[in-house]
Amino acid sequence: MRRIVSVSIGSSQRDSTAIINVCGEDFSIERIGTDGDIQKAIALIQKLDGEVAAFGMGGIDLYLWGGNRRFILREAKKIAQAPKITPIVDGSGLKNTLERRAIECLARENPDMFRGKRVLLTCAVDRFGMAQALQDTGSEVLYGDFMFTLGVPLPIYKLKALESAVAVFAPMVVQLPFRWLYPIGAKQEESPKKNKYAKFYEWADIIAGDYHMIRKYMPDDLRGKTIITNTITPADVDFLTQRQIHELITTTPSLNGRSFGTNVMEGLLVALLDKPLAEITPDDYNHMLDKIGFSPRRELIGVQAL
């Protein structure tokens, strides 16, 4: 049995393991959190290097994307350079393929799901595939990158405008300590700062993006809202149920009761493709996704499901 290990700088309380069979082969899918300790994550990767089939880099992205440009996060680069034998991925390959396909699939199955609706995408620079797909659905999209990463109350409603702003600010932002941009370690378990951007949650029909970003400023009442995200545990489902959301959609499948991050699923595809990481293309990922048949997980929760 081959192992896919996501070493995350997120909370260890979210650790999980699942045994799955894909394409006739058994895999152990593991998520190990280091509670915000980047050096501990690097040491663990170095210890397991060569012993596992693929690493996922969890709780942090290697790149921020603006249009066709990508900017490398300084602290993420240290983690990405830790293994010398085993390939390591941050999930960006699947954010460009699986998440794009998920939005396209949902829109194809029910065009009215997005058409004329309001979508709050908490951060587009780490979900460029989703951001590009959403702009083609007929929905009005609010890109919350400046609000949810920098705490600046600047909503942006045009993807081109966001890309222009990213080109200016990203070279500086990627040099910042990652904890300034994203909740890591114990910060993931803190109560949401629910009053800061409540009006934007209220404005939206659909809230999409990274779960920890969504949770960061989540108000108590999300009655009737749809959330599109991933990396969801059973405790997260309970948390969302208390807020009475209408539907939970995850772009990655449910494995043993939780949806793992895109970095884990990309690690699985890398292991299945069995070719050098530098040679893997988006077409390779799409072909493998077609073969496996991954589809969005949809779950009605809250009072509407009663």
Protein backbone atom coordinates (compact mmCIF):
# COMPACT_ATOMS: atom_id res chain seq x y z
CA MET A 1 0.00 0.00 0.00
CA ARG A 2 1.35 3.41 -0.97
CA ARG A 3 1.06 6.46 1.29
CA ILE A 4 0.02 9.98 0.35
CA VAL A 5 0.93 12.31 3.23
CA SER A 6 -0.23 15.89 3.57
CA VAL A 7 2.07 17.72 5.97
CA SER A 8 0.08 20.77 7.02
CA ILE A 9 1.02 23.82 9.07
CA GLY A 10 -2.60 23.84 10.19
CA SER A 11 -4.06 22.52 13.44
CA SER A 12 -3.24 18.93 14.42
CA GLN A 13 -6.82 18.65 15.70
CA ARG A 14 -7.87 18.22 12.07
CA ASP A 15 -5.62 15.19 11.43
CA SER A 16 -7.18 12.25 9.63
CA THR A 17 -6.36 9.05 7.75
CA ALA A 18 -8.37 7.18 5.11
CA ILE A 19 -7.71 3.95 3.20
CA ILE A 20 -9.09 4.09 -0.32
CA ASN A 21 -8.90 1.96 -3.46
CA VAL A 22 -8.33 3.89 -6.67
CA CYS A 23 -7.79 2.24 -10.06
CA GLY A 24 -7.41 -1.12 -8.33
CA GLU A 25 -4.70 0.04 -5.92
CA ASP A 26 -4.96 0.70 -2.17
CA PHE A 27 -3.68 4.01 -0.82
CA SER A 28 -3.32 5.41 2.67
CA ILE A 29 -4.34 9.09 2.59
CA GLU A 30 -2.98 10.96 5.63
CA ARG A 31 -3.10 14.52 6.93
CA ILE A 32 -0.61 15.51 9.65
CA GLY A 33 -0.78 19.00 11.16
CA THR A 34 2.14 20.79 12.82
CA ASP A 35 0.15 23.52 14.60
CA GLY A 36 1.72 26.40 12.70
CA ASP A 37 5.32 25.20 13.11
CA ILE A 38 6.98 25.47 9.69
CA GLN A 39 10.29 24.01 10.88
CA LYS A 40 8.46 20.98 12.28
CA ALA A 41 6.73 20.51 8.92
CA ILE A 42 10.08 20.64 7.12
CA ALA A 43 11.62 18.13 9.55
CA LEU A 44 8.70 15.71 9.12
CA ILE A 45 8.93 15.91 5.32
CA GLN A 46 12.67 15.26 5.45
CA LYS A 47 12.09 12.28 7.74
CA LEU A 48 9.49 10.70 5.41
CA ASP A 49 11.25 11.65 2.17
CA GLY A 50 11.62 8.58 -0.03
CA GLU A 51 9.27 6.51 2.16
CA VAL A 52 5.97 7.83 0.78
CA ALA A 53 4.57 8.09 -2.75
CA ALA A 54 3.78 11.81 -2.66
CA PHE A 55 3.58 14.73 -0.26
CA GLY A 56 0.85 17.32 -0.08
CA MET A 57 1.84 20.73 1.25
CA GLY A 58 -1.10 21.62 3.48
CA GLY A 59 -2.20 24.84 5.12
CA ILE A 60 -0.12 26.96 2.75
CA ASP A 61 0.06 27.57 -1.00
CA LEU A 62 3.29 27.74 -2.94
CA TYR A 63 1.94 30.34 -5.34
CA LEU A 64 -0.39 33.30 -5.56
CA TRP A 65 -1.88 33.65 -9.02
CA GLY A 66 -2.86 36.78 -10.92
CA GLY A 67 -4.04 35.99 -14.43
CA ASN A 68 -1.22 34.05 -16.08
CA ARG A 69 1.40 35.21 -13.58
CA ARG A 70 2.36 33.37 -10.42
CA PHE A 71 4.20 34.65 -7.38
CA ILE A 72 6.07 32.33 -4.99
CA LEU A 73 5.39 32.68 -1.26
CA ARG A 74 8.70 32.99 0.57
CA GLU A 75 7.86 30.67 3.49
CA ALA A 76 6.15 28.10 1.28
CA LYS A 77 9.27 27.80 -0.86
CA LYS A 78 11.21 26.52 2.18
CA ILE A 79 8.70 23.69 2.63
CA ALA A 80 8.60 22.83 -1.07
CA GLN A 81 12.39 22.45 -1.11
CA ALA A 82 12.47 20.04 1.86
CA PRO A 83 12.06 16.69 0.05
CA LYS A 84 14.82 15.48 -2.27
CA ILE A 85 13.21 12.21 -3.46
CA THR A 86 9.44 12.26 -3.01
CA PRO A 87 7.41 14.71 -5.14
CA ILE A 88 5.54 17.45 -3.22
CA VAL A 89 2.50 19.40 -4.47
CA ASP A 90 0.47 22.25 -3.00
CA GLY A 91 -2.85 21.53 -4.72
CA SER A 92 -2.56 24.27 -7.36
CA GLY A 93 -2.68 21.68 -10.15
CA LEU A 94 -6.11 20.55 -9.00
CA LYS A 95 -7.33 24.07 -8.28
CA ASN A 96 -6.78 24.71 -11.97
CA THR A 97 -8.49 21.48 -13.06
CA LEU A 98 -10.72 19.78 -10.47
CA GLU A 99 -12.15 23.01 -9.00
CA ARG A 100 -12.69 24.53 -12.43
CA ARG A 101 -14.45 21.34 -13.53
CA ALA A 102 -16.55 21.30 -10.35
CA ILE A 103 -17.99 24.76 -11.07
CA GLU A 104 -18.55 23.89 -14.73
CA CYS A 105 -20.26 20.62 -13.71
CA LEU A 106 -22.56 22.36 -11.24
CA ALA A 107 -23.47 25.05 -13.78
CA ARG A 108 -24.10 22.44 -16.47
CA GLU A 109 -26.36 20.35 -14.22
CA ASN A 110 -28.33 23.39 -13.02
CA PRO A 111 -27.64 26.69 -14.83
CA ASP A 112 -29.97 28.51 -12.42
CA MET A 113 -27.68 27.65 -9.53
CA PHE A 114 -25.38 30.52 -10.54
CA ARG A 115 -27.25 32.58 -13.10
CA GLY A 116 -28.27 35.90 -11.58
CA LYS A 117 -26.90 34.88 -8.16
CA ARG A 118 -24.36 36.67 -5.98
CA VAL A 119 -21.14 34.81 -5.15
CA LEU A 120 -18.60 35.77 -2.50
CA LEU A 121 -15.25 34.17 -3.38
CA THR A 122 -13.09 34.79 -0.34
CA CYS A 123 -9.77 34.62 -2.19
CA ALA A 124 -9.19 34.18 -5.92
CA VAL A 125 -5.38 34.27 -5.99
CA ASP A 126 -5.25 30.77 -4.49
CA ARG A 127 -8.25 29.45 -6.50
CA PHE A 128 -7.69 30.83 -9.97
CA GLY A 129 -9.46 27.93 -11.70
CA MET A 130 -12.60 28.47 -9.64
CA ALA A 131 -12.41 32.25 -10.11
CA GLN A 132 -12.18 31.96 -13.88
CA ALA A 133 -14.99 29.39 -14.04
CA LEU A 134 -17.31 31.48 -11.86
CA GLN A 135 -17.06 34.51 -14.15
CA ASP A 136 -18.58 32.41 -16.95
CA THR A 137 -21.64 31.26 -14.97
CA GLY A 138 -23.73 34.43 -15.24
CA SER A 139 -23.30 35.22 -11.55
CA GLU A 140 -22.10 38.43 -9.91
CA VAL A 141 -18.84 37.64 -8.13
CA LEU A 142 -17.26 39.56 -5.28
CA TYR A 143 -13.54 38.78 -4.99
CA GLY A 144 -12.60 39.20 -1.33
CA ASP A 145 -8.82 38.85 -1.61
CA PHE A 146 -7.92 42.16 0.03
CA MET A 147 -10.50 41.69 2.79
CA PHE A 148 -9.75 38.11 3.72
CA THR A 149 -5.95 38.12 3.36
CA LEU A 150 -4.92 41.69 4.24
CA GLY A 151 -7.92 42.83 6.30
CA VAL A 152 -8.50 45.77 3.93
CA PRO A 153 -12.24 46.41 3.31
CA LEU A 154 -11.87 46.58 -0.47
CA PRO A 155 -14.37 44.39 -2.35
CA ILE A 156 -13.54 43.84 -6.04
CA TYR A 157 -16.21 42.84 -8.56
CA LYS A 158 -14.14 42.40 -11.74
CA LEU A 159 -11.57 39.64 -12.18
CA LYS A 160 -9.48 41.80 -14.50
CA ALA A 161 -9.34 44.53 -11.84
CA LEU A 162 -8.20 41.97 -9.29
CA GLU A 163 -5.50 40.66 -11.62
CA SER A 164 -4.20 44.20 -12.13
CA ALA A 165 -4.08 44.80 -8.36
CA VAL A 166 -2.35 41.46 -7.76
CA ALA A 167 0.37 42.36 -10.26
CA VAL A 168 1.15 45.44 -8.16
CA PHE A 169 0.85 44.07 -4.62
CA ALA A 170 1.74 40.35 -4.88
CA PRO A 171 5.54 40.84 -5.11
CA MET A 172 5.40 42.49 -1.68
CA VAL A 173 2.73 40.26 -0.14
CA VAL A 174 4.59 37.00 -0.86
CA GLN A 175 7.49 38.21 1.31
CA LEU A 176 5.26 38.61 4.40
CA PRO A 177 5.04 35.99 7.17
CA PHE A 178 2.29 33.62 6.03
CA ARG A 179 0.53 33.81 9.41
CA TRP A 180 -0.30 37.44 8.56
CA LEU A 181 -2.25 36.30 5.51
CA TYR A 182 -3.96 33.09 6.59
CA PRO A 183 -5.02 31.39 9.84
CA ILE A 184 -2.57 28.62 10.73
CA GLY A 185 -2.21 26.33 13.76
CA ALA A 186 -4.49 27.22 16.69
CA LYS A 187 -5.85 30.24 14.76
CA GLN A 188 -7.95 27.77 12.78
CA GLU A 189 -9.86 26.85 15.93
CA GLU A 190 -10.59 30.41 17.11
CA SER A 191 -14.10 31.84 17.07
CA PRO A 192 -14.89 33.80 13.89
CA LYS A 193 -14.66 37.60 13.92
CA LYS A 194 -18.28 37.56 12.89
CA ASN A 195 -19.10 41.27 12.70
CA LYS A 196 -16.31 42.53 10.44
CA TYR A 197 -17.66 41.52 7.02
CA ALA A 198 -21.14 40.32 7.91
CA LYS A 199 -22.77 42.50 5.26
CA PHE A 200 -20.86 40.71 2.49
CA TYR A 201 -21.94 37.28 3.77
CA GLU A 202 -25.50 38.57 3.91
CA TRP A 203 -25.20 39.95 0.35
CA ALA A 204 -24.11 36.60 -1.09
CA ASP A 205 -26.28 33.68 -2.17
CA ILE A 206 -23.19 31.46 -2.54
CA ILE A 207 -19.98 31.64 -0.49
CA ALA A 208 -16.98 29.94 -2.05
CA GLY A 209 -13.29 29.41 -1.35
CA ASP A 210 -10.95 28.03 1.29
CA TYR A 211 -12.90 26.86 4.35
CA HIS A 212 -10.67 28.59 6.90
CA MET A 213 -11.01 31.84 4.98
CA ILE A 214 -14.79 31.45 4.92
CA ARG A 215 -14.88 30.63 8.63
CA LYS A 216 -12.59 33.53 9.59
CA TYR A 217 -15.37 36.14 9.53
CA MET A 218 -18.42 33.88 9.43
CA PRO A 219 -21.58 35.31 11.07
CA ASP A 220 -23.89 33.17 13.19
CA ASP A 221 -26.75 33.12 10.66
CA LEU A 222 -26.14 31.81 7.15
CA ARG A 223 -29.71 30.69 6.61
CA GLY A 224 -30.34 29.71 2.99
CA LYS A 225 -26.71 30.07 1.83
CA THR A 226 -24.75 27.58 -0.25
CA ILE A 227 -21.07 27.03 0.58
CA ILE A 228 -18.57 25.67 -1.97
CA THR A 229 -15.28 24.66 -0.37
CA ASN A 230 -13.20 21.63 0.67
CA THR A 231 -11.13 20.30 3.59
CA ILE A 232 -14.30 19.73 5.61
CA THR A 233 -14.38 17.54 8.75
CA PRO A 234 -17.49 16.21 10.53
CA ALA A 235 -16.96 18.96 13.16
CA ASP A 236 -17.07 21.54 10.37
CA VAL A 237 -20.36 20.13 9.15
CA ASP A 238 -21.77 20.52 12.68
CA PHE A 239 -20.47 24.09 12.77
CA LEU A 240 -22.18 24.90 9.48
CA THR A 241 -25.38 23.15 10.54
CA GLN A 242 -25.60 25.48 13.54
CA ARG A 243 -25.51 28.38 11.09
CA GLN A 244 -28.35 26.83 9.08
CA ILE A 245 -26.73 26.89 5.66
CA HIS A 246 -28.80 25.38 2.87
CA GLU A 247 -26.22 23.27 1.06
CA LEU A 248 -22.58 22.25 1.44
CA ILE A 249 -20.63 21.44 -1.73
CA THR A 250 -17.04 20.24 -1.61
CA THR A 251 -14.87 20.09 -4.70
CA THR A 252 -13.01 17.06 -3.33
CA PRO A 253 -14.85 13.81 -2.49
CA SER A 254 -15.78 12.66 1.00
CA LEU A 255 -13.37 10.01 2.34
CA ASN A 256 -14.19 8.43 5.70
CA GLY A 257 -16.47 11.34 6.56
CA ARG A 258 -14.22 14.24 5.58
CA SER A 259 -13.14 16.05 2.44
CA PHE A 260 -9.37 16.31 2.17
CA GLY A 261 -7.58 19.31 0.65
CA THR A 262 -6.66 19.66 -3.00
CA ASN A 263 -2.99 19.11 -2.07
CA VAL A 264 -3.83 15.58 -0.87
CA MET A 265 -5.87 14.74 -3.96
CA GLU A 266 -3.17 16.14 -6.25
CA GLY A 267 -0.62 13.98 -4.44
CA LEU A 268 -2.82 10.95 -5.17
CA LEU A 269 -2.99 11.83 -8.88
CA VAL A 270 0.78 12.32 -9.02
CA ALA A 271 1.26 8.85 -7.55
CA LEU A 272 -1.20 7.32 -10.03
CA LEU A 273 0.35 9.09 -13.03
CA ASP A 274 3.79 7.76 -12.04
CA LYS A 275 5.78 10.26 -14.08
CA PRO A 276 8.16 13.10 -13.15
CA LEU A 277 6.31 16.00 -11.59
CA ALA A 278 7.77 18.51 -14.05
CA GLU A 279 6.31 16.51 -16.95
CA ILE A 280 2.72 16.38 -15.63
CA THR A 281 0.32 18.65 -17.54
CA PRO A 282 -3.25 19.85 -16.89
CA ASP A 283 -4.34 17.37 -19.58
CA ASP A 284 -2.79 14.56 -17.52
CA TYR A 285 -4.78 15.64 -14.47
CA ASN A 286 -7.99 15.96 -16.49
CA HIS A 287 -7.50 12.53 -18.04
CA MET A 288 -6.96 10.96 -14.62
CA LEU A 289 -9.97 12.81 -13.16
CA ASP A 290 -12.10 11.41 -15.98
CA LYS A 291 -10.76 7.93 -15.25
CA ILE A 292 -11.39 8.13 -11.51
CA GLY A 293 -14.73 9.91 -11.84
CA PHE A 294 -14.34 12.43 -9.00
CA SER A 295 -17.42 14.63 -8.72
CA PRO A 296 -18.47 17.38 -6.28
CA ARG A 297 -19.91 16.22 -2.95
CA ARG A 298 -23.32 17.81 -2.30
CA GLU A 299 -25.05 17.72 1.06
CA LEU A 300 -28.19 19.46 2.24
CA ILE A 301 -27.77 20.46 5.89
CA GLY A 302 -29.46 22.73 8.40
CA VAL A 303 -33.18 23.29 8.82
CA GLN A 304 -33.89 22.97 5.09
CA ALA A 305 -32.88 19.30 5.19
CA LEU A 306 -35.45 18.45 7.89
